[in-house]
Amino acid sequence: MLDVIGKVLVEMSKQLMLMKESVEQGHAKQAGVQAHKIRGAVGNIGSLALQEIAHAMEQAGKAEEINLLRTLMPEMEKQFELLKQLMEASEP
């Protein structure tokens, strides 16, 4: 199980990096696509807080609301770090 979670965290980390780059470059739709991928991945491990922020970012991307994406990005990173710490702490 931990191996699966580890793989999910690695993939989410890549998606998060791509999303952050998209936000920084002003590519709202692309950021929304990345948020959708993250939302799907976290749905598999049950992180509701991260899933909610990813959903909000996905919707902002679809609506091309780049300023909202920029506002939400720090919370996305915070929630991902919290999940990552929780997962790493649960490893034997």
N, C-alpha and C. Protein backbone atom coordinates (compact mmCIF):
# COMPACT_ATOMS: atom_id res chain seq x y z
N MET A 1 0.81 -1.20 0.00
CA MET A 1 0.00 0.00 0.00
C MET A 1 0.86 1.27 0.00
N LEU A 2 1.91 1.26 0.83
CA LEU A 2 2.78 2.43 0.90
C LEU A 2 3.48 2.68 -0.43
N ASP A 3 3.77 1.59 -1.16
CA ASP A 3 4.40 1.75 -2.47
C ASP A 3 3.48 2.50 -3.42
N VAL A 4 2.20 2.19 -3.39
CA VAL A 4 1.21 2.87 -4.23
C VAL A 4 1.12 4.35 -3.84
N ILE A 5 1.06 4.61 -2.54
CA ILE A 5 0.98 5.99 -2.07
C ILE A 5 2.23 6.76 -2.48
N GLY A 6 3.39 6.12 -2.36
CA GLY A 6 4.64 6.76 -2.78
C GLY A 6 4.61 7.13 -4.25
N LYS A 7 4.13 6.24 -5.07
CA LYS A 7 4.03 6.52 -6.52
C LYS A 7 3.06 7.66 -6.79
N VAL A 8 1.95 7.67 -6.07
CA VAL A 8 0.98 8.75 -6.23
C VAL A 8 1.61 10.08 -5.84
N LEU A 9 2.35 10.11 -4.73
CA LEU A 9 2.98 11.35 -4.29
C LEU A 9 4.01 11.85 -5.29
N VAL A 10 4.79 10.94 -5.88
CA VAL A 10 5.77 11.34 -6.89
C VAL A 10 5.06 11.93 -8.11
N GLU A 11 4.01 11.28 -8.56
CA GLU A 11 3.27 11.77 -9.73
C GLU A 11 2.60 13.11 -9.42
N MET A 12 2.03 13.22 -8.23
CA MET A 12 1.38 14.48 -7.85
C MET A 12 2.40 15.61 -7.77
N SER A 13 3.59 15.29 -7.30
CA SER A 13 4.64 16.30 -7.21
C SER A 13 4.98 16.85 -8.59
N LYS A 14 5.05 15.95 -9.57
CA LYS A 14 5.32 16.37 -10.96
C LYS A 14 4.17 17.24 -11.48
N GLN A 15 2.94 16.80 -11.24
CA GLN A 15 1.78 17.56 -11.70
C GLN A 15 1.71 18.93 -11.03
N LEU A 16 2.04 18.97 -9.74
CA LEU A 16 2.04 20.23 -9.00
C LEU A 16 3.06 21.20 -9.59
N MET A 17 4.24 20.68 -9.92
CA MET A 17 5.28 21.52 -10.51
C MET A 17 4.82 22.09 -11.86
N LEU A 18 4.21 21.23 -12.69
CA LEU A 18 3.71 21.68 -13.98
C LEU A 18 2.59 22.71 -13.82
N MET A 19 1.73 22.49 -12.83
CA MET A 19 0.65 23.43 -12.59
C MET A 19 1.20 24.78 -12.13
N LYS A 20 2.17 24.75 -11.24
CA LYS A 20 2.76 26.00 -10.76
C LYS A 20 3.40 26.78 -11.91
N GLU A 21 4.11 26.07 -12.79
CA GLU A 21 4.70 26.72 -13.96
C GLU A 21 3.62 27.34 -14.84
N SER A 22 2.52 26.62 -15.05
CA SER A 22 1.43 27.14 -15.87
C SER A 22 0.84 28.40 -15.25
N VAL A 23 0.64 28.39 -13.93
CA VAL A 23 0.10 29.55 -13.25
C VAL A 23 1.06 30.73 -13.38
N GLU A 24 2.35 30.48 -13.13
CA GLU A 24 3.35 31.55 -13.22
C GLU A 24 3.42 32.16 -14.63
N GLN A 25 3.18 31.33 -15.64
CA GLN A 25 3.24 31.79 -17.03
C GLN A 25 1.91 32.34 -17.52
N GLY A 26 0.88 32.30 -16.68
CA GLY A 26 -0.42 32.83 -17.05
C GLY A 26 -1.26 31.92 -17.92
N HIS A 27 -0.97 30.62 -17.91
CA HIS A 27 -1.70 29.65 -18.72
C HIS A 27 -2.78 28.99 -17.86
N ALA A 28 -3.90 29.68 -17.73
CA ALA A 28 -4.96 29.24 -16.84
C ALA A 28 -5.55 27.89 -17.22
N LYS A 29 -5.85 27.69 -18.49
CA LYS A 29 -6.47 26.43 -18.91
C LYS A 29 -5.55 25.24 -18.64
N GLN A 30 -4.26 25.41 -18.93
CA GLN A 30 -3.30 24.33 -18.69
C GLN A 30 -3.19 24.04 -17.19
N ALA A 31 -3.21 25.08 -16.37
CA ALA A 31 -3.18 24.89 -14.92
C ALA A 31 -4.41 24.10 -14.46
N GLY A 32 -5.55 24.40 -15.06
CA GLY A 32 -6.78 23.67 -14.74
C GLY A 32 -6.69 22.20 -15.09
N VAL A 33 -6.04 21.90 -16.21
CA VAL A 33 -5.84 20.50 -16.62
C VAL A 33 -4.98 19.78 -15.58
N GLN A 34 -3.93 20.42 -15.14
CA GLN A 34 -3.04 19.82 -14.14
C GLN A 34 -3.80 19.63 -12.82
N ALA A 35 -4.62 20.60 -12.45
CA ALA A 35 -5.41 20.49 -11.22
C ALA A 35 -6.36 19.30 -11.30
N HIS A 36 -6.93 19.08 -12.47
CA HIS A 36 -7.82 17.94 -12.68
C HIS A 36 -7.07 16.63 -12.44
N LYS A 37 -5.86 16.53 -12.95
CA LYS A 37 -5.05 15.32 -12.76
C LYS A 37 -4.73 15.11 -11.28
N ILE A 38 -4.41 16.19 -10.59
CA ILE A 38 -4.11 16.08 -9.16
C ILE A 38 -5.36 15.65 -8.40
N ARG A 39 -6.48 16.24 -8.74
CA ARG A 39 -7.75 15.89 -8.07
C ARG A 39 -8.03 14.41 -8.23
N GLY A 40 -7.81 13.88 -9.42
CA GLY A 40 -8.03 12.46 -9.64
C GLY A 40 -7.09 11.59 -8.82
N ALA A 41 -5.84 12.00 -8.76
CA ALA A 41 -4.84 11.23 -8.00
C ALA A 41 -5.15 11.23 -6.51
N VAL A 42 -5.51 12.38 -5.96
CA VAL A 42 -5.78 12.43 -4.52
C VAL A 42 -7.10 11.75 -4.17
N GLY A 43 -7.97 11.62 -5.15
CA GLY A 43 -9.20 10.88 -4.91
C GLY A 43 -8.91 9.43 -4.57
N ASN A 44 -7.79 8.92 -5.08
CA ASN A 44 -7.40 7.53 -4.82
C ASN A 44 -6.85 7.32 -3.41
N ILE A 45 -6.40 8.40 -2.76
CA ILE A 45 -5.83 8.24 -1.42
C ILE A 45 -6.63 8.98 -0.35
N GLY A 46 -7.70 9.63 -0.74
CA GLY A 46 -8.65 10.18 0.22
C GLY A 46 -8.28 11.47 0.92
N SER A 47 -7.55 12.35 0.26
CA SER A 47 -7.23 13.64 0.87
C SER A 47 -8.28 14.66 0.45
N LEU A 48 -9.28 14.85 1.31
CA LEU A 48 -10.39 15.74 0.96
C LEU A 48 -9.96 17.20 0.80
N ALA A 49 -9.09 17.68 1.69
CA ALA A 49 -8.67 19.08 1.61
C ALA A 49 -7.95 19.35 0.29
N LEU A 50 -7.06 18.45 -0.09
CA LEU A 50 -6.33 18.62 -1.34
C LEU A 50 -7.26 18.45 -2.53
N GLN A 51 -8.18 17.55 -2.42
CA GLN A 51 -9.15 17.34 -3.50
C GLN A 51 -10.01 18.58 -3.71
N GLU A 52 -10.41 19.22 -2.63
CA GLU A 52 -11.25 20.42 -2.73
C GLU A 52 -10.49 21.58 -3.37
N ILE A 53 -9.25 21.81 -2.97
CA ILE A 53 -8.49 22.91 -3.56
C ILE A 53 -8.18 22.61 -5.03
N ALA A 54 -7.90 21.36 -5.34
CA ALA A 54 -7.66 20.99 -6.73
C ALA A 54 -8.91 21.23 -7.58
N HIS A 55 -10.07 20.91 -7.02
CA HIS A 55 -11.32 21.14 -7.75
C HIS A 55 -11.53 22.63 -8.00
N ALA A 56 -11.29 23.44 -6.97
CA ALA A 56 -11.43 24.90 -7.13
C ALA A 56 -10.48 25.42 -8.19
N MET A 57 -9.27 24.89 -8.22
CA MET A 57 -8.29 25.33 -9.22
C MET A 57 -8.66 24.84 -10.61
N GLU A 58 -9.21 23.64 -10.68
CA GLU A 58 -9.67 23.12 -11.96
C GLU A 58 -10.76 24.03 -12.54
N GLN A 59 -11.72 24.42 -11.71
CA GLN A 59 -12.80 25.30 -12.16
C GLN A 59 -12.27 26.68 -12.55
N ALA A 60 -11.32 27.20 -11.78
CA ALA A 60 -10.72 28.50 -12.11
C ALA A 60 -9.98 28.43 -13.44
N GLY A 61 -9.33 27.31 -13.70
CA GLY A 61 -8.64 27.13 -14.97
C GLY A 61 -9.61 27.11 -16.15
N LYS A 62 -10.71 26.38 -15.98
CA LYS A 62 -11.72 26.32 -17.03
C LYS A 62 -12.29 27.70 -17.33
N ALA A 63 -12.44 28.51 -16.27
CA ALA A 63 -13.00 29.86 -16.42
C ALA A 63 -11.92 30.88 -16.79
N GLU A 64 -10.69 30.41 -16.93
CA GLU A 64 -9.53 31.26 -17.26
C GLU A 64 -9.35 32.40 -16.27
N GLU A 65 -9.53 32.08 -14.99
CA GLU A 65 -9.36 33.05 -13.92
C GLU A 65 -7.96 32.93 -13.34
N ILE A 66 -6.99 33.47 -14.04
CA ILE A 66 -5.59 33.32 -13.65
C ILE A 66 -5.30 33.95 -12.29
N ASN A 67 -5.94 35.06 -11.97
CA ASN A 67 -5.70 35.68 -10.66
C ASN A 67 -6.18 34.79 -9.52
N LEU A 68 -7.30 34.12 -9.72
CA LEU A 68 -7.78 33.19 -8.71
C LEU A 68 -6.82 32.01 -8.58
N LEU A 69 -6.32 31.52 -9.69
CA LEU A 69 -5.34 30.45 -9.66
C LEU A 69 -4.09 30.87 -8.87
N ARG A 70 -3.65 32.09 -9.11
CA ARG A 70 -2.47 32.59 -8.37
C ARG A 70 -2.76 32.69 -6.88
N THR A 71 -3.98 33.04 -6.53
CA THR A 71 -4.38 33.13 -5.13
C THR A 71 -4.44 31.75 -4.47
N LEU A 72 -4.93 30.76 -5.21
CA LEU A 72 -5.11 29.41 -4.68
C LEU A 72 -3.83 28.57 -4.64
N MET A 73 -2.86 28.93 -5.47
CA MET A 73 -1.64 28.11 -5.59
C MET A 73 -0.93 27.87 -4.26
N PRO A 74 -0.73 28.88 -3.43
CA PRO A 74 -0.06 28.62 -2.15
C PRO A 74 -0.80 27.61 -1.26
N GLU A 75 -2.13 27.65 -1.28
CA GLU A 75 -2.91 26.70 -0.49
C GLU A 75 -2.75 25.29 -1.05
N MET A 76 -2.70 25.18 -2.37
CA MET A 76 -2.48 23.87 -3.00
C MET A 76 -1.13 23.30 -2.55
N GLU A 77 -0.11 24.12 -2.59
CA GLU A 77 1.22 23.66 -2.18
C GLU A 77 1.23 23.28 -0.70
N LYS A 78 0.56 24.07 0.12
CA LYS A 78 0.49 23.79 1.56
C LYS A 78 -0.19 22.45 1.82
N GLN A 79 -1.33 22.24 1.18
CA GLN A 79 -2.07 21.00 1.38
C GLN A 79 -1.29 19.79 0.87
N PHE A 80 -0.57 19.96 -0.23
CA PHE A 80 0.25 18.86 -0.74
C PHE A 80 1.36 18.53 0.25
N GLU A 81 2.01 19.54 0.80
CA GLU A 81 3.08 19.31 1.77
C GLU A 81 2.56 18.62 3.02
N LEU A 82 1.38 19.02 3.48
CA LEU A 82 0.77 18.37 4.64
C LEU A 82 0.50 16.89 4.36
N LEU A 83 -0.04 16.59 3.18
CA LEU A 83 -0.30 15.21 2.80
C LEU A 83 0.99 14.43 2.72
N LYS A 84 1.98 15.01 2.10
CA LYS A 84 3.28 14.35 1.95
C LYS A 84 3.90 14.03 3.32
N GLN A 85 3.85 14.99 4.24
CA GLN A 85 4.39 14.77 5.57
C GLN A 85 3.63 13.66 6.30
N LEU A 86 2.33 13.65 6.16
CA LEU A 86 1.51 12.62 6.79
C LEU A 86 1.86 11.25 6.24
N MET A 87 2.00 11.16 4.94
CA MET A 87 2.32 9.88 4.30
C MET A 87 3.72 9.42 4.70
N GLU A 88 4.67 10.33 4.73
CA GLU A 88 6.04 9.96 5.10
C GLU A 88 6.11 9.54 6.56
N ALA A 89 5.32 10.18 7.42
CA ALA A 89 5.32 9.85 8.85
C ALA A 89 4.69 8.48 9.10
N SER A 90 3.84 8.03 8.20
CA SER A 90 3.17 6.74 8.40
C SER A 90 3.98 5.56 7.88
N GLU A 91 5.12 5.85 7.22
CA GLU A 91 5.96 4.77 6.73
C GLU A 91 6.65 4.09 7.91
N PRO A 92 6.82 2.75 7.82
CA PRO A 92 7.47 2.04 8.93
C PRO A 92 8.95 2.39 9.05
